[in-house]
Amino acid sequence: MSYRYGFVKYHNYRDAEDCIRAFHSLGYETSFARESFYSQLKKLSDTDSTNLYISSLPRDFNEHQLSAIFEPYKVCSSRILRDSSGNGRGVGFARFDSREVCEEIISKYHNLAVTSGEETTHIQLRFA
């Protein structure tokens, strides 16, 4: 048995309800989609935060190299997450002066190719 599914976004709640009823009458199993975990987290986020989460970093990166990516912007603090052996996990944090600076950095540096040794990655940026 193969399952097929899809998602539809309606302009209003009533149209979505009408569609669900119509599909039920045809024998289909339908329901409202649940809110994603990321969407729930986004609602809880601190809108004043100046801390960025950076993923897809080269595993041998250190805090100095992380700060250097964002020159000429001033990095107030940075941290690379490491495993129990001290090896980089490919993720880190960088804190900046203001929310506006963070938004500029996300728009300029998101998906930037970064090379360290033999490894090239494309960093991903979002508010922590």
Protein backbone atom coordinates (compact mmCIF):
# COMPACT_ATOMS: atom_id res chain seq x y z
CA MET A 1 0.00 0.00 0.00
CA SER A 2 1.42 3.41 -0.90
CA TYR A 3 0.44 6.61 0.82
CA ARG A 4 0.20 9.95 -0.89
CA TYR A 5 -0.14 13.23 0.86
CA GLY A 6 0.05 16.92 0.24
CA PHE A 7 -0.44 20.30 1.83
CA VAL A 8 -2.66 23.15 0.74
CA LYS A 9 -2.68 26.64 2.21
CA TYR A 10 -6.02 28.43 2.11
CA HIS A 11 -6.71 32.13 2.41
CA ASN A 12 -9.18 31.59 5.22
CA TYR A 13 -10.25 29.01 7.77
CA ARG A 14 -13.73 28.48 6.35
CA ASP A 15 -12.49 27.48 2.87
CA ALA A 16 -10.09 25.00 4.47
CA GLU A 17 -12.90 23.47 6.55
CA ASP A 18 -15.14 23.16 3.47
CA CYS A 19 -12.38 21.39 1.58
CA ILE A 20 -11.73 18.96 4.44
CA ARG A 21 -15.46 18.10 4.59
CA ALA A 22 -15.56 17.55 0.83
CA PHE A 23 -12.55 15.21 0.91
CA HIS A 24 -14.03 13.30 3.86
CA SER A 25 -17.25 12.78 1.89
CA LEU A 26 -15.15 11.24 -0.90
CA GLY A 27 -13.52 8.82 1.56
CA TYR A 28 -10.18 10.58 1.97
CA GLU A 29 -8.50 11.02 5.32
CA THR A 30 -7.82 14.75 5.75
CA SER A 31 -7.08 17.18 8.55
CA PHE A 32 -5.44 20.47 9.40
CA ALA A 33 -1.65 20.34 9.41
CA ARG A 34 0.07 20.86 12.73
CA GLU A 35 2.36 23.81 13.22
CA SER A 36 6.00 22.87 12.61
CA PHE A 37 8.49 22.73 15.46
CA TYR A 38 10.60 25.46 13.81
CA SER A 39 7.54 27.71 13.48
CA GLN A 40 6.73 27.20 17.17
CA LEU A 41 10.32 28.07 18.13
CA LYS A 42 10.26 31.16 15.96
CA LYS A 43 7.25 32.50 17.90
CA LEU A 44 9.19 32.09 21.14
CA SER A 45 12.32 33.82 19.83
CA ASP A 46 13.82 36.90 21.42
CA THR A 47 13.25 39.74 18.95
CA ASP A 48 16.06 41.76 20.56
CA SER A 49 18.68 39.01 20.28
CA THR A 50 21.99 39.88 18.64
CA ASN A 51 23.25 36.30 18.76
CA LEU A 52 23.52 34.34 15.51
CA TYR A 53 23.61 30.56 15.13
CA ILE A 54 26.02 29.49 12.39
CA SER A 55 25.89 25.95 10.99
CA SER A 56 27.80 24.07 8.28
CA LEU A 57 31.14 25.39 9.51
CA PRO A 58 34.32 23.47 8.64
CA ARG A 59 34.99 21.07 11.51
CA ASP A 60 38.49 22.39 12.19
CA PHE A 61 37.34 26.01 12.58
CA ASN A 62 38.18 27.97 15.74
CA GLU A 63 36.65 31.12 17.25
CA HIS A 64 39.23 33.42 15.65
CA GLN A 65 38.46 32.02 12.16
CA LEU A 66 34.73 32.34 12.82
CA SER A 67 35.11 36.03 13.74
CA ALA A 68 37.32 36.63 10.69
CA ILE A 69 34.52 35.53 8.32
CA PHE A 70 32.44 38.54 9.30
CA GLU A 71 35.10 41.28 8.96
CA PRO A 72 34.71 44.27 8.90
CA TYR A 73 31.82 43.74 11.38
CA LYS A 74 32.75 43.65 15.06
CA VAL A 75 32.07 40.28 16.66
CA CYS A 76 31.42 40.87 20.36
CA SER A 77 31.83 37.17 21.21
CA SER A 78 32.00 33.86 19.39
CA ARG A 79 31.93 30.22 20.32
CA ILE A 80 32.42 26.98 18.41
CA LEU A 81 30.59 23.93 19.77
CA ARG A 82 32.89 20.92 20.24
CA ASP A 83 32.44 17.24 21.00
CA SER A 84 33.97 15.53 24.05
CA SER A 85 37.25 15.05 22.15
CA GLY A 86 37.54 18.77 21.39
CA ASN A 87 36.67 18.42 17.70
CA GLY A 88 34.40 21.06 16.17
CA ARG A 89 30.81 19.98 15.56
CA GLY A 90 30.38 22.32 12.58
CA VAL A 91 28.24 24.82 14.47
CA GLY A 92 28.85 27.96 16.49
CA PHE A 93 27.52 31.28 17.72
CA ALA A 94 28.53 34.88 17.12
CA ARG A 95 27.16 37.90 18.96
CA PHE A 96 27.10 41.35 17.34
CA ASP A 97 26.40 44.97 18.38
CA SER A 98 22.81 45.26 17.17
CA ARG A 99 19.87 43.47 15.63
CA GLU A 100 20.28 45.58 12.46
CA VAL A 101 23.89 44.40 12.08
CA CYS A 102 22.73 40.80 12.51
CA GLU A 103 20.12 41.21 9.76
CA GLU A 104 22.78 42.67 7.42
CA ILE A 105 25.12 39.80 8.17
CA ILE A 106 22.43 37.19 7.53
CA SER A 107 21.58 38.77 4.16
CA LYS A 108 25.25 39.09 3.12
CA TYR A 109 26.80 35.91 4.50
CA HIS A 110 24.04 33.26 4.47
CA ASN A 111 25.16 30.40 2.20
CA LEU A 112 28.70 31.83 1.89
CA ALA A 113 31.31 29.29 0.79
CA VAL A 114 33.96 28.88 3.50
CA THR A 115 37.12 26.83 3.01
CA SER A 116 39.42 25.44 5.67
CA GLY A 117 42.10 22.99 4.59
CA GLU A 118 40.48 20.56 2.16
CA GLU A 119 36.94 21.21 3.37
CA THR A 120 34.59 23.74 1.75
CA THR A 121 31.15 24.33 3.23
CA HIS A 122 28.33 26.84 2.76
CA ILE A 123 27.51 28.41 6.10
CA GLN A 124 23.92 28.81 7.22
CA LEU A 125 22.92 31.73 9.47
CA ARG A 126 19.89 32.40 11.63
CA PHE A 127 19.07 34.09 14.92
CA ALA A 128 19.90 31.88 17.88
